[in-house]
N, C-alpha and C. Protein backbone atom coordinates (compact mmCIF):
# COMPACT_ATOMS: atom_id res chain seq x y z
N MET A 1 95.23 156.88 133.05
CA MET A 1 95.10 155.45 133.33
C MET A 1 95.86 154.67 132.26
N ALA A 2 96.61 153.72 132.71
CA ALA A 2 97.40 152.93 131.76
C ALA A 2 96.50 152.05 130.91
N VAL A 3 96.85 151.93 129.68
CA VAL A 3 96.10 151.09 128.74
C VAL A 3 96.89 149.81 128.50
N THR A 4 96.22 148.69 128.74
CA THR A 4 96.88 147.39 128.53
C THR A 4 96.68 146.95 127.09
N THR A 5 97.76 146.67 126.42
CA THR A 5 97.68 146.21 125.02
C THR A 5 97.84 144.70 124.97
N ARG A 6 96.85 144.05 124.42
CA ARG A 6 96.92 142.59 124.33
C ARG A 6 97.79 142.15 123.16
N ALA A 7 98.54 141.13 123.40
CA ALA A 7 99.35 140.56 122.31
C ALA A 7 98.43 139.90 121.31
N PRO A 8 98.73 140.02 120.03
CA PRO A 8 97.88 139.38 119.02
C PRO A 8 97.79 137.88 119.25
N ARG A 9 96.60 137.36 119.07
CA ARG A 9 96.36 135.93 119.27
C ARG A 9 97.07 135.13 118.19
N SER A 10 97.78 134.11 118.59
CA SER A 10 98.49 133.28 117.61
C SER A 10 97.50 132.42 116.84
N THR A 11 97.83 132.17 115.63
CA THR A 11 96.99 131.32 114.79
C THR A 11 97.52 129.90 114.79
N SER A 12 96.70 129.00 114.32
CA SER A 12 97.10 127.59 114.30
C SER A 12 97.72 127.19 112.97
N ARG A 13 97.96 128.19 112.11
CA ARG A 13 98.53 127.88 110.80
C ARG A 13 99.98 127.40 110.98
N PRO A 14 100.33 126.26 110.37
CA PRO A 14 101.70 125.75 110.53
C PRO A 14 102.72 126.70 109.92
N ARG A 15 103.88 126.76 110.53
CA ARG A 15 104.96 127.57 109.99
C ARG A 15 105.49 126.94 108.71
N ALA A 16 106.16 127.80 107.92
CA ALA A 16 106.67 127.32 106.62
C ALA A 16 107.67 126.20 106.81
N ASP A 17 108.53 126.30 107.84
CA ASP A 17 109.52 125.25 108.03
C ASP A 17 108.86 123.94 108.46
N ALA A 18 107.77 124.04 109.23
CA ALA A 18 107.05 122.83 109.64
C ALA A 18 106.41 122.16 108.43
N LEU A 19 105.87 122.97 107.53
CA LEU A 19 105.27 122.41 106.32
C LEU A 19 106.32 121.74 105.44
N ARG A 20 107.50 122.35 105.37
CA ARG A 20 108.57 121.75 104.58
C ARG A 20 109.02 120.43 105.20
N ASN A 21 109.12 120.40 106.51
CA ASN A 21 109.50 119.15 107.18
C ASN A 21 108.47 118.06 106.93
N ARG A 22 107.21 118.43 107.02
CA ARG A 22 106.15 117.44 106.79
C ARG A 22 106.23 116.89 105.37
N GLU A 23 106.47 117.77 104.41
CA GLU A 23 106.59 117.35 103.02
C GLU A 23 107.76 116.38 102.85
N ARG A 24 108.90 116.70 103.46
CA ARG A 24 110.07 115.82 103.35
C ARG A 24 109.79 114.45 103.98
N ILE A 25 109.10 114.46 105.11
CA ILE A 25 108.78 113.19 105.79
C ILE A 25 107.88 112.33 104.92
N VAL A 26 106.85 112.93 104.35
CA VAL A 26 105.90 112.17 103.53
C VAL A 26 106.60 111.60 102.30
N ILE A 27 107.42 112.40 101.66
CA ILE A 27 108.12 111.93 100.46
C ILE A 27 109.09 110.80 100.83
N ALA A 28 109.82 110.96 101.91
CA ALA A 28 110.75 109.92 102.35
C ALA A 28 110.01 108.64 102.70
N ALA A 29 108.87 108.77 103.38
CA ALA A 29 108.09 107.59 103.75
C ALA A 29 107.57 106.88 102.51
N ARG A 30 107.07 107.63 101.53
CA ARG A 30 106.57 107.00 100.30
C ARG A 30 107.69 106.23 99.60
N GLU A 31 108.86 106.85 99.49
CA GLU A 31 109.98 106.18 98.83
C GLU A 31 110.36 104.89 99.55
N LEU A 32 110.43 104.96 100.86
CA LEU A 32 110.83 103.78 101.63
C LEU A 32 109.75 102.71 101.65
N PHE A 33 108.49 103.10 101.68
CA PHE A 33 107.41 102.11 101.60
C PHE A 33 107.48 101.36 100.27
N VAL A 34 107.78 102.10 99.19
CA VAL A 34 107.90 101.47 97.87
C VAL A 34 109.10 100.54 97.83
N GLU A 35 110.22 100.99 98.40
CA GLU A 35 111.46 100.22 98.34
C GLU A 35 111.45 99.00 99.26
N LYS A 36 110.89 99.16 100.47
CA LYS A 36 111.06 98.13 101.49
C LYS A 36 109.76 97.58 102.07
N GLY A 37 108.64 98.20 101.76
CA GLY A 37 107.38 97.70 102.29
C GLY A 37 107.00 98.39 103.60
N PRO A 38 105.91 97.93 104.22
CA PRO A 38 105.34 98.62 105.37
C PRO A 38 106.12 98.47 106.67
N GLN A 39 107.17 97.65 106.67
CA GLN A 39 107.89 97.40 107.92
C GLN A 39 108.94 98.48 108.22
N VAL A 40 109.03 99.51 107.41
CA VAL A 40 110.04 100.55 107.61
C VAL A 40 109.83 101.24 108.95
N ARG A 41 110.92 101.46 109.67
CA ARG A 41 110.85 102.10 110.98
C ARG A 41 110.87 103.62 110.84
N PHE A 42 110.30 104.28 111.82
CA PHE A 42 110.24 105.74 111.80
C PHE A 42 111.63 106.36 111.80
N ASP A 43 112.60 105.74 112.50
CA ASP A 43 113.93 106.35 112.54
C ASP A 43 114.59 106.32 111.16
N GLU A 44 114.29 105.29 110.38
CA GLU A 44 114.83 105.23 109.02
C GLU A 44 114.19 106.30 108.14
N ILE A 45 112.89 106.51 108.32
CA ILE A 45 112.20 107.58 107.59
C ILE A 45 112.77 108.93 107.97
N ALA A 46 113.04 109.12 109.26
CA ALA A 46 113.61 110.38 109.73
C ALA A 46 114.97 110.64 109.09
N ARG A 47 115.81 109.60 109.01
CA ARG A 47 117.12 109.77 108.39
C ARG A 47 116.98 110.14 106.92
N ARG A 48 116.09 109.45 106.20
CA ARG A 48 115.91 109.76 104.78
C ARG A 48 115.39 111.19 104.60
N ALA A 49 114.52 111.62 105.49
CA ALA A 49 113.94 112.97 105.37
C ALA A 49 114.88 114.06 105.87
N GLY A 50 115.92 113.67 106.63
CA GLY A 50 116.85 114.65 107.17
C GLY A 50 116.30 115.41 108.35
N VAL A 51 115.46 114.74 109.15
CA VAL A 51 114.88 115.36 110.34
C VAL A 51 115.09 114.41 111.52
N GLY A 52 114.78 114.90 112.71
CA GLY A 52 114.89 114.06 113.89
C GLY A 52 113.66 113.19 114.08
N ASN A 53 113.82 112.13 114.86
CA ASN A 53 112.69 111.25 115.15
C ASN A 53 111.52 112.01 115.76
N ALA A 54 111.83 112.95 116.65
CA ALA A 54 110.76 113.70 117.32
C ALA A 54 109.94 114.49 116.31
N THR A 55 110.58 114.97 115.26
CA THR A 55 109.85 115.73 114.23
C THR A 55 108.87 114.83 113.50
N VAL A 56 109.28 113.60 113.21
CA VAL A 56 108.37 112.66 112.55
C VAL A 56 107.16 112.40 113.44
N TYR A 57 107.41 112.10 114.71
CA TYR A 57 106.30 111.79 115.61
C TYR A 57 105.41 113.01 115.88
N ARG A 58 105.98 114.20 115.80
CA ARG A 58 105.18 115.40 116.01
C ARG A 58 104.15 115.56 114.89
N HIS A 59 104.54 115.21 113.68
CA HIS A 59 103.62 115.32 112.55
C HIS A 59 102.73 114.08 112.42
N PHE A 60 103.31 112.91 112.72
CA PHE A 60 102.59 111.65 112.54
C PHE A 60 102.80 110.78 113.77
N PRO A 61 101.85 110.78 114.71
CA PRO A 61 102.04 110.07 115.98
C PRO A 61 102.09 108.55 115.85
N ASP A 62 101.57 108.00 114.75
CA ASP A 62 101.61 106.56 114.56
C ASP A 62 101.64 106.24 113.07
N GLN A 63 101.79 104.96 112.76
CA GLN A 63 101.92 104.58 111.35
C GLN A 63 100.64 104.87 110.57
N GLY A 64 99.48 104.71 111.21
CA GLY A 64 98.23 104.99 110.52
C GLY A 64 98.16 106.42 110.03
N ALA A 65 98.57 107.35 110.87
CA ALA A 65 98.57 108.76 110.47
C ALA A 65 99.57 109.00 109.34
N LEU A 66 100.71 108.32 109.40
CA LEU A 66 101.72 108.49 108.35
C LEU A 66 101.23 107.92 107.02
N VAL A 67 100.64 106.74 107.05
CA VAL A 67 100.11 106.15 105.82
C VAL A 67 99.04 107.05 105.21
N HIS A 68 98.18 107.60 106.07
CA HIS A 68 97.16 108.51 105.57
C HIS A 68 97.80 109.71 104.87
N GLY A 69 98.84 110.27 105.49
CA GLY A 69 99.53 111.40 104.88
C GLY A 69 100.17 111.03 103.56
N VAL A 70 100.77 109.84 103.50
CA VAL A 70 101.39 109.38 102.25
C VAL A 70 100.35 109.22 101.16
N MET A 71 99.22 108.60 101.48
CA MET A 71 98.20 108.35 100.47
C MET A 71 97.62 109.67 99.93
N CYS A 72 97.37 110.62 100.82
CA CYS A 72 96.86 111.92 100.37
C CYS A 72 97.89 112.61 99.48
N HIS A 73 99.16 112.50 99.85
CA HIS A 73 100.22 113.11 99.05
C HIS A 73 100.30 112.46 97.67
N VAL A 74 100.12 111.15 97.61
CA VAL A 74 100.14 110.44 96.33
C VAL A 74 99.02 110.94 95.44
N PHE A 75 97.81 111.02 95.99
CA PHE A 75 96.68 111.49 95.19
C PHE A 75 96.89 112.93 94.73
N ASP A 76 97.40 113.78 95.63
CA ASP A 76 97.65 115.17 95.25
C ASP A 76 98.70 115.26 94.15
N SER A 77 99.71 114.40 94.21
CA SER A 77 100.75 114.39 93.17
C SER A 77 100.17 113.99 91.82
N ILE A 78 99.30 112.97 91.84
CA ILE A 78 98.69 112.52 90.59
C ILE A 78 97.75 113.59 90.05
N SER A 79 97.02 114.27 90.94
CA SER A 79 96.15 115.36 90.51
C SER A 79 96.96 116.47 89.83
N ALA A 80 98.12 116.78 90.41
CA ALA A 80 98.98 117.82 89.82
C ALA A 80 99.44 117.41 88.42
N LEU A 81 99.75 116.13 88.24
CA LEU A 81 100.14 115.63 86.91
C LEU A 81 98.99 115.77 85.92
N ALA A 82 97.78 115.46 86.38
CA ALA A 82 96.61 115.57 85.51
C ALA A 82 96.33 117.02 85.14
N GLU A 83 96.49 117.92 86.11
CA GLU A 83 96.28 119.34 85.84
C GLU A 83 97.28 119.86 84.82
N THR A 84 98.53 119.39 84.93
CA THR A 84 99.55 119.78 83.95
C THR A 84 99.19 119.26 82.57
N ALA A 85 98.69 118.02 82.51
CA ALA A 85 98.30 117.44 81.22
C ALA A 85 97.13 118.21 80.61
N LEU A 86 96.18 118.61 81.45
CA LEU A 86 95.03 119.36 80.93
C LEU A 86 95.44 120.75 80.45
N ALA A 87 96.47 121.32 81.05
CA ALA A 87 96.94 122.64 80.64
C ALA A 87 97.75 122.58 79.35
N ASP A 88 98.12 121.37 78.94
CA ASP A 88 98.89 121.19 77.71
C ASP A 88 97.92 121.31 76.53
N ASP A 89 98.12 122.33 75.70
CA ASP A 89 97.19 122.57 74.58
C ASP A 89 97.62 121.85 73.31
N ARG A 90 98.55 120.92 73.46
CA ARG A 90 98.97 120.15 72.28
C ARG A 90 98.05 118.95 72.09
N ASP A 91 98.54 117.91 71.48
CA ASP A 91 97.75 116.73 71.16
C ASP A 91 97.09 116.14 72.41
N PRO A 92 95.76 116.04 72.46
CA PRO A 92 95.07 115.54 73.65
C PRO A 92 95.44 114.11 74.02
N PHE A 93 95.63 113.25 73.04
CA PHE A 93 95.97 111.87 73.37
C PHE A 93 97.39 111.78 73.91
N GLU A 94 98.29 112.57 73.35
CA GLU A 94 99.66 112.55 73.86
C GLU A 94 99.72 113.10 75.29
N ALA A 95 98.84 114.06 75.59
CA ALA A 95 98.77 114.56 76.97
C ALA A 95 98.30 113.45 77.90
N LEU A 96 97.32 112.66 77.46
CA LEU A 96 96.85 111.52 78.25
C LEU A 96 97.96 110.49 78.41
N ARG A 97 98.67 110.21 77.33
CA ARG A 97 99.76 109.23 77.37
C ARG A 97 100.84 109.68 78.37
N THR A 98 101.19 110.95 78.31
CA THR A 98 102.20 111.48 79.23
C THR A 98 101.74 111.35 80.67
N PHE A 99 100.47 111.68 80.92
CA PHE A 99 99.93 111.57 82.27
C PHE A 99 100.01 110.14 82.80
N VAL A 100 99.63 109.17 81.99
CA VAL A 100 99.63 107.78 82.43
C VAL A 100 101.05 107.34 82.78
N HIS A 101 102.01 107.65 81.93
CA HIS A 101 103.38 107.23 82.19
C HIS A 101 103.96 107.94 83.41
N GLU A 102 103.67 109.22 83.56
CA GLU A 102 104.22 109.96 84.70
C GLU A 102 103.56 109.55 86.00
N SER A 103 102.26 109.24 85.96
CA SER A 103 101.59 108.79 87.18
C SER A 103 102.09 107.42 87.60
N ALA A 104 102.55 106.62 86.63
CA ALA A 104 103.09 105.30 86.96
C ALA A 104 104.38 105.41 87.76
N VAL A 105 105.11 106.52 87.59
CA VAL A 105 106.35 106.72 88.32
C VAL A 105 106.09 106.79 89.82
N VAL A 106 104.89 107.22 90.20
CA VAL A 106 104.53 107.29 91.62
C VAL A 106 104.50 105.90 92.24
N ARG A 107 104.34 104.86 91.40
CA ARG A 107 104.36 103.45 91.83
C ARG A 107 103.31 103.18 92.91
N THR A 108 102.08 103.56 92.59
CA THR A 108 101.01 103.44 93.57
C THR A 108 100.75 101.99 93.99
N SER A 109 100.88 101.05 93.06
CA SER A 109 100.58 99.66 93.39
C SER A 109 101.54 99.08 94.41
N ALA A 110 102.75 99.63 94.45
CA ALA A 110 103.72 99.15 95.44
C ALA A 110 103.32 99.53 96.86
N LEU A 111 102.36 100.44 96.99
CA LEU A 111 101.89 100.86 98.31
C LEU A 111 100.73 100.00 98.81
N CYS A 112 100.31 99.03 98.01
CA CYS A 112 99.17 98.19 98.40
C CYS A 112 99.33 97.56 99.79
N PRO A 113 100.53 97.08 100.17
CA PRO A 113 100.64 96.48 101.50
C PRO A 113 100.31 97.42 102.65
N MET A 114 100.30 98.74 102.37
CA MET A 114 99.99 99.69 103.42
C MET A 114 98.49 99.78 103.68
N LEU A 115 97.69 99.32 102.72
CA LEU A 115 96.23 99.46 102.84
C LEU A 115 95.68 98.25 103.58
N VAL A 116 95.87 98.26 104.87
CA VAL A 116 95.52 97.11 105.69
C VAL A 116 94.29 97.42 106.53
N ASP A 117 93.79 96.39 107.22
CA ASP A 117 92.65 96.58 108.11
C ASP A 117 92.98 97.65 109.15
N GLY A 118 92.02 98.51 109.41
CA GLY A 118 92.22 99.58 110.37
C GLY A 118 92.56 100.90 109.70
N PHE A 119 92.97 100.87 108.44
CA PHE A 119 93.24 102.10 107.71
C PHE A 119 91.92 102.73 107.30
N ASP A 120 91.76 104.03 107.56
CA ASP A 120 90.49 104.71 107.28
C ASP A 120 90.44 105.12 105.82
N HIS A 121 89.91 104.24 104.99
CA HIS A 121 89.82 104.50 103.56
C HIS A 121 88.80 105.57 103.22
N GLU A 122 87.87 105.82 104.13
CA GLU A 122 86.81 106.78 103.85
C GLU A 122 86.98 108.09 104.61
N HIS A 123 88.20 108.40 105.02
CA HIS A 123 88.45 109.68 105.65
C HIS A 123 88.14 110.79 104.63
N PRO A 124 87.47 111.86 105.06
CA PRO A 124 87.04 112.90 104.10
C PRO A 124 88.16 113.47 103.24
N THR A 125 89.35 113.71 103.82
CA THR A 125 90.43 114.26 103.02
C THR A 125 90.91 113.27 101.97
N LEU A 126 90.92 111.99 102.31
CA LEU A 126 91.35 110.98 101.35
C LEU A 126 90.31 110.81 100.25
N VAL A 127 89.04 110.79 100.63
CA VAL A 127 87.97 110.68 99.63
C VAL A 127 88.00 111.88 98.68
N GLY A 128 88.20 113.07 99.25
CA GLY A 128 88.26 114.26 98.41
C GLY A 128 89.42 114.22 97.43
N ALA A 129 90.58 113.78 97.90
CA ALA A 129 91.75 113.70 97.03
C ALA A 129 91.55 112.65 95.94
N ARG A 130 90.95 111.53 96.30
CA ARG A 130 90.69 110.47 95.33
C ARG A 130 89.68 110.92 94.29
N THR A 131 88.62 111.61 94.73
CA THR A 131 87.60 112.11 93.81
C THR A 131 88.19 113.11 92.83
N ARG A 132 89.12 113.93 93.32
CA ARG A 132 89.77 114.91 92.45
C ARG A 132 90.53 114.21 91.33
N VAL A 133 91.23 113.14 91.64
CA VAL A 133 91.94 112.38 90.61
C VAL A 133 90.95 111.86 89.57
N GLU A 134 89.84 111.29 90.02
CA GLU A 134 88.84 110.73 89.11
C GLU A 134 88.27 111.80 88.19
N GLU A 135 88.00 112.98 88.75
CA GLU A 135 87.43 114.06 87.95
C GLU A 135 88.41 114.57 86.90
N LEU A 136 89.66 114.74 87.30
CA LEU A 136 90.66 115.24 86.36
C LEU A 136 90.94 114.23 85.25
N LEU A 137 91.02 112.94 85.62
CA LEU A 137 91.22 111.91 84.60
C LEU A 137 90.04 111.88 83.66
N GLY A 138 88.83 112.04 84.20
CA GLY A 138 87.64 112.09 83.35
C GLY A 138 87.72 113.22 82.34
N ALA A 139 88.22 114.37 82.78
CA ALA A 139 88.36 115.51 81.87
C ALA A 139 89.39 115.21 80.78
N LEU A 140 90.49 114.54 81.14
CA LEU A 140 91.49 114.15 80.15
C LEU A 140 90.91 113.21 79.11
N LEU A 141 90.12 112.24 79.58
CA LEU A 141 89.51 111.28 78.66
C LEU A 141 88.49 111.97 77.76
N ASP A 142 87.68 112.84 78.33
CA ASP A 142 86.67 113.55 77.53
C ASP A 142 87.32 114.36 76.42
N ARG A 143 88.42 115.01 76.74
CA ARG A 143 89.09 115.83 75.72
C ARG A 143 89.67 114.97 74.61
N ALA A 144 90.25 113.83 74.99
CA ALA A 144 90.82 112.94 73.97
C ALA A 144 89.73 112.32 73.12
N LYS A 145 88.57 112.03 73.72
CA LYS A 145 87.44 111.51 72.95
C LYS A 145 86.92 112.56 71.98
N ALA A 146 86.81 113.80 72.45
CA ALA A 146 86.30 114.88 71.61
C ALA A 146 87.20 115.12 70.40
N SER A 147 88.49 114.83 70.56
CA SER A 147 89.42 115.02 69.45
C SER A 147 89.34 113.88 68.44
N GLY A 148 88.62 112.80 68.81
CA GLY A 148 88.50 111.64 67.93
C GLY A 148 89.66 110.67 68.03
N GLN A 149 90.55 110.87 69.00
CA GLN A 149 91.73 110.01 69.12
C GLN A 149 91.54 108.86 70.09
N LEU A 150 90.62 109.02 71.05
CA LEU A 150 90.39 108.00 72.06
C LEU A 150 89.09 107.29 71.77
N ARG A 151 89.10 105.97 71.79
CA ARG A 151 87.88 105.22 71.54
C ARG A 151 86.82 105.62 72.56
N PRO A 152 85.57 105.74 72.12
CA PRO A 152 84.53 106.31 72.99
C PRO A 152 84.05 105.41 74.11
N ASP A 153 84.42 104.13 74.10
CA ASP A 153 83.89 103.21 75.09
C ASP A 153 84.82 103.02 76.29
N ILE A 154 85.78 103.93 76.46
CA ILE A 154 86.73 103.85 77.57
C ILE A 154 86.24 104.72 78.73
N ALA A 155 86.23 104.13 79.92
CA ALA A 155 85.79 104.84 81.12
C ALA A 155 86.99 105.14 82.03
N VAL A 156 86.78 106.05 82.96
CA VAL A 156 87.82 106.37 83.94
C VAL A 156 88.29 105.12 84.67
N SER A 157 87.34 104.27 85.03
CA SER A 157 87.70 103.06 85.76
C SER A 157 88.57 102.12 84.94
N ASP A 158 88.41 102.11 83.61
CA ASP A 158 89.25 101.26 82.76
C ASP A 158 90.72 101.66 82.91
N VAL A 159 90.97 102.96 82.90
CA VAL A 159 92.35 103.45 82.99
C VAL A 159 92.91 103.23 84.39
N LEU A 160 92.12 103.53 85.42
CA LEU A 160 92.60 103.35 86.80
C LEU A 160 92.94 101.88 87.07
N LEU A 161 92.07 101.00 86.63
CA LEU A 161 92.29 99.58 86.87
C LEU A 161 93.53 99.08 86.13
N ALA A 162 93.67 99.49 84.87
CA ALA A 162 94.81 99.03 84.08
C ALA A 162 96.13 99.54 84.65
N VAL A 163 96.17 100.81 85.01
CA VAL A 163 97.41 101.37 85.56
C VAL A 163 97.77 100.67 86.87
N SER A 164 96.76 100.42 87.72
CA SER A 164 97.02 99.74 88.98
C SER A 164 97.57 98.34 88.77
N GLN A 165 96.97 97.61 87.84
CA GLN A 165 97.39 96.23 87.61
C GLN A 165 98.76 96.16 86.91
N LEU A 166 98.97 97.02 85.92
CA LEU A 166 100.18 96.93 85.12
C LEU A 166 101.42 97.47 85.83
N THR A 167 101.23 98.30 86.86
CA THR A 167 102.39 98.84 87.58
C THR A 167 102.69 98.07 88.85
N ARG A 168 101.98 97.01 89.12
CA ARG A 168 102.23 96.22 90.32
C ARG A 168 103.56 95.49 90.17
N PRO A 169 104.42 95.53 91.19
CA PRO A 169 105.71 94.84 91.08
C PRO A 169 105.55 93.36 90.77
N LEU A 170 106.43 92.83 89.92
CA LEU A 170 106.39 91.42 89.57
C LEU A 170 106.84 90.57 90.75
N PRO A 171 106.33 89.35 90.86
CA PRO A 171 106.77 88.47 91.96
C PRO A 171 108.29 88.28 91.92
N GLY A 172 108.93 88.44 93.06
CA GLY A 172 110.37 88.26 93.14
C GLY A 172 111.17 89.47 92.72
N ARG A 173 110.49 90.55 92.33
CA ARG A 173 111.21 91.77 91.94
C ARG A 173 110.67 92.94 92.75
N ASP A 174 111.54 93.92 92.99
CA ASP A 174 111.09 95.09 93.70
C ASP A 174 110.46 96.08 92.72
N ALA A 175 109.88 97.15 93.27
CA ALA A 175 109.17 98.12 92.44
C ALA A 175 110.10 98.78 91.42
N ALA A 176 111.34 99.07 91.83
CA ALA A 176 112.26 99.76 90.94
C ALA A 176 112.60 98.92 89.71
N SER A 177 112.89 97.65 89.92
CA SER A 177 113.29 96.80 88.79
C SER A 177 112.10 96.43 87.92
N SER A 178 110.88 96.53 88.44
CA SER A 178 109.69 96.22 87.66
C SER A 178 109.21 97.40 86.83
N HIS A 179 109.75 98.58 87.11
CA HIS A 179 109.22 99.78 86.47
C HIS A 179 109.41 99.76 84.96
N GLY A 180 110.54 99.26 84.48
CA GLY A 180 110.76 99.21 83.04
C GLY A 180 109.76 98.33 82.33
N PHE A 181 109.43 97.17 82.95
CA PHE A 181 108.41 96.30 82.36
C PHE A 181 107.06 96.99 82.35
N ALA A 182 106.76 97.73 83.41
CA ALA A 182 105.48 98.42 83.52
C ALA A 182 105.32 99.46 82.42
N ARG A 183 106.36 100.22 82.14
CA ARG A 183 106.28 101.23 81.08
C ARG A 183 105.98 100.59 79.73
N ARG A 184 106.57 99.45 79.48
CA ARG A 184 106.32 98.76 78.21
C ARG A 184 104.86 98.32 78.11
N GLN A 185 104.34 97.73 79.18
CA GLN A 185 102.96 97.26 79.16
C GLN A 185 101.97 98.42 79.11
N LEU A 186 102.29 99.51 79.77
CA LEU A 186 101.43 100.69 79.69
C LEU A 186 101.37 101.23 78.27
N GLN A 187 102.49 101.17 77.56
CA GLN A 187 102.50 101.64 76.18
C GLN A 187 101.61 100.77 75.30
N VAL A 188 101.66 99.47 75.51
CA VAL A 188 100.78 98.55 74.77
C VAL A 188 99.32 98.88 75.08
N PHE A 189 99.02 99.09 76.37
CA PHE A 189 97.66 99.42 76.78
C PHE A 189 97.18 100.72 76.13
N LEU A 190 98.04 101.75 76.15
CA LEU A 190 97.65 103.05 75.59
C LEU A 190 97.40 102.95 74.09
N ASP A 191 98.22 102.19 73.40
CA ASP A 191 97.99 102.01 71.96
C ASP A 191 96.63 101.37 71.71
N GLY A 192 96.19 100.50 72.61
CA GLY A 192 94.89 99.87 72.47
C GLY A 192 93.72 100.80 72.72
N LEU A 193 93.99 101.96 73.33
CA LEU A 193 92.93 102.93 73.59
C LEU A 193 92.64 103.83 72.40
N MET A 194 93.51 103.81 71.42
CA MET A 194 93.38 104.77 70.32
C MET A 194 92.24 104.41 69.39
N ALA A 195 91.61 105.46 68.88
CA ALA A 195 90.57 105.31 67.87
C ALA A 195 91.22 105.37 66.49
N PRO A 196 90.63 104.68 65.49
CA PRO A 196 89.43 103.85 65.60
C PRO A 196 89.71 102.51 66.29
N ALA A 197 88.72 102.03 67.02
CA ALA A 197 88.88 100.77 67.75
C ALA A 197 88.91 99.60 66.78
N ARG A 198 89.75 98.61 67.07
CA ARG A 198 89.84 97.43 66.23
C ARG A 198 88.78 96.39 66.58
N SER A 199 88.15 96.54 67.75
CA SER A 199 87.14 95.56 68.16
C SER A 199 86.19 96.23 69.14
N GLU A 200 85.11 95.53 69.44
CA GLU A 200 84.16 96.02 70.43
C GLU A 200 84.50 95.40 71.78
N LEU A 201 84.59 96.24 72.80
CA LEU A 201 84.93 95.74 74.11
C LEU A 201 83.79 94.92 74.70
N PRO A 202 84.06 93.76 75.25
CA PRO A 202 83.00 92.96 75.86
C PRO A 202 82.57 93.54 77.20
N GLY A 203 81.32 93.36 77.54
CA GLY A 203 80.83 93.77 78.84
C GLY A 203 80.78 95.28 79.00
N THR A 204 80.75 95.72 80.25
CA THR A 204 80.71 97.15 80.57
C THR A 204 81.83 97.45 81.55
N PRO A 205 82.28 98.71 81.58
CA PRO A 205 83.36 99.04 82.52
C PRO A 205 82.89 98.94 83.96
N ILE A 206 83.78 98.56 84.84
CA ILE A 206 83.46 98.52 86.26
C ILE A 206 83.17 99.94 86.74
N THR A 207 82.21 100.10 87.59
CA THR A 207 81.90 101.43 88.11
C THR A 207 82.98 101.85 89.11
N LEU A 208 83.11 103.17 89.28
CA LEU A 208 84.09 103.66 90.24
C LEU A 208 83.73 103.19 91.64
N GLU A 209 82.45 103.10 91.94
CA GLU A 209 82.03 102.62 93.26
C GLU A 209 82.48 101.19 93.48
N ASP A 210 82.30 100.33 92.46
CA ASP A 210 82.72 98.94 92.59
C ASP A 210 84.25 98.82 92.60
N LEU A 211 84.90 99.70 91.85
CA LEU A 211 86.35 99.65 91.78
C LEU A 211 86.97 99.91 93.15
N ARG A 212 86.33 100.75 93.94
CA ARG A 212 86.86 101.07 95.26
C ARG A 212 86.74 99.92 96.24
N THR A 213 86.01 98.87 95.88
CA THR A 213 85.89 97.72 96.77
C THR A 213 86.89 96.63 96.45
N GLN A 214 87.72 96.86 95.42
CA GLN A 214 88.67 95.83 95.01
C GLN A 214 89.93 95.89 95.87
N PRO A 215 90.49 94.74 96.21
CA PRO A 215 91.72 94.74 97.00
C PRO A 215 92.89 95.29 96.21
N CYS A 216 93.76 96.02 96.92
CA CYS A 216 94.99 96.54 96.33
C CYS A 216 94.74 97.56 95.22
N MET A 217 93.59 98.21 95.25
CA MET A 217 93.41 99.38 94.40
C MET A 217 93.68 100.59 95.27
N LEU A 218 94.52 101.48 94.80
CA LEU A 218 95.01 102.59 95.61
C LEU A 218 93.86 103.39 96.21
N GLY A 219 93.90 103.49 97.55
CA GLY A 219 92.93 104.33 98.23
C GLY A 219 91.56 103.73 98.36
N THR A 220 91.41 102.45 98.09
CA THR A 220 90.10 101.83 98.13
C THR A 220 89.97 100.97 99.35
N THR A 221 88.76 100.52 99.57
CA THR A 221 88.47 99.70 100.73
C THR A 221 88.53 98.23 100.36
N PRO A 222 89.37 97.43 100.99
CA PRO A 222 89.42 96.00 100.70
C PRO A 222 88.06 95.35 100.98
N PRO A 223 87.71 94.31 100.23
CA PRO A 223 86.41 93.67 100.45
C PRO A 223 86.33 93.05 101.82
N LYS A 224 85.17 93.17 102.45
CA LYS A 224 84.96 92.54 103.75
C LYS A 224 84.65 91.07 103.57
N ASP A 225 84.93 90.29 104.62
CA ASP A 225 84.64 88.87 104.56
C ASP A 225 83.13 88.66 104.39
N ARG A 226 82.80 87.75 103.48
CA ARG A 226 81.39 87.48 103.23
C ARG A 226 81.01 86.16 103.89
């Protein structure tokens, strides 16, 4: 009696070339969103990524899906920078300083116009990626505090808020031309974090929960009308 051999069942795991295409699309979209804002067309993103329009739509059927992919990629990129800083066994404060300057290159504040009504800020993958950034930054701060180089009254939210505000493009200038000014202001900010502190900080740091309700904070939920 003949024996019928079944073909192995295919898996849903994306092929390597599909993953590479998706990565190129997300990177191209982030660059163009920073350069030109949220009005960028999919065909322009496709040209920058070096793929066809159909490939973009296959991965991201609409702008909401694309923005979600870009935001997750941004958080993952920042997490990778933090992991590299934590793996650096040299000066803990210099590792923190390097992380802040390199994360500023991502130009997260320039993506604020993408965080509009209808964007799912609380999608599990986005929340997980955002939480990972917070945890890694917390570890960087704890290590710098333990070394005695970072003033003890600095919270994760202090750094996130400052980086978001200081890297926001200046009125009338694009993100690229504002970057040099941002690096200078970040350096001033970082010098102010060093111990011993010259003064006592007023008030208390904003909580991470409250920080996520502020408008134009990367990956956060804009405040609802009251």
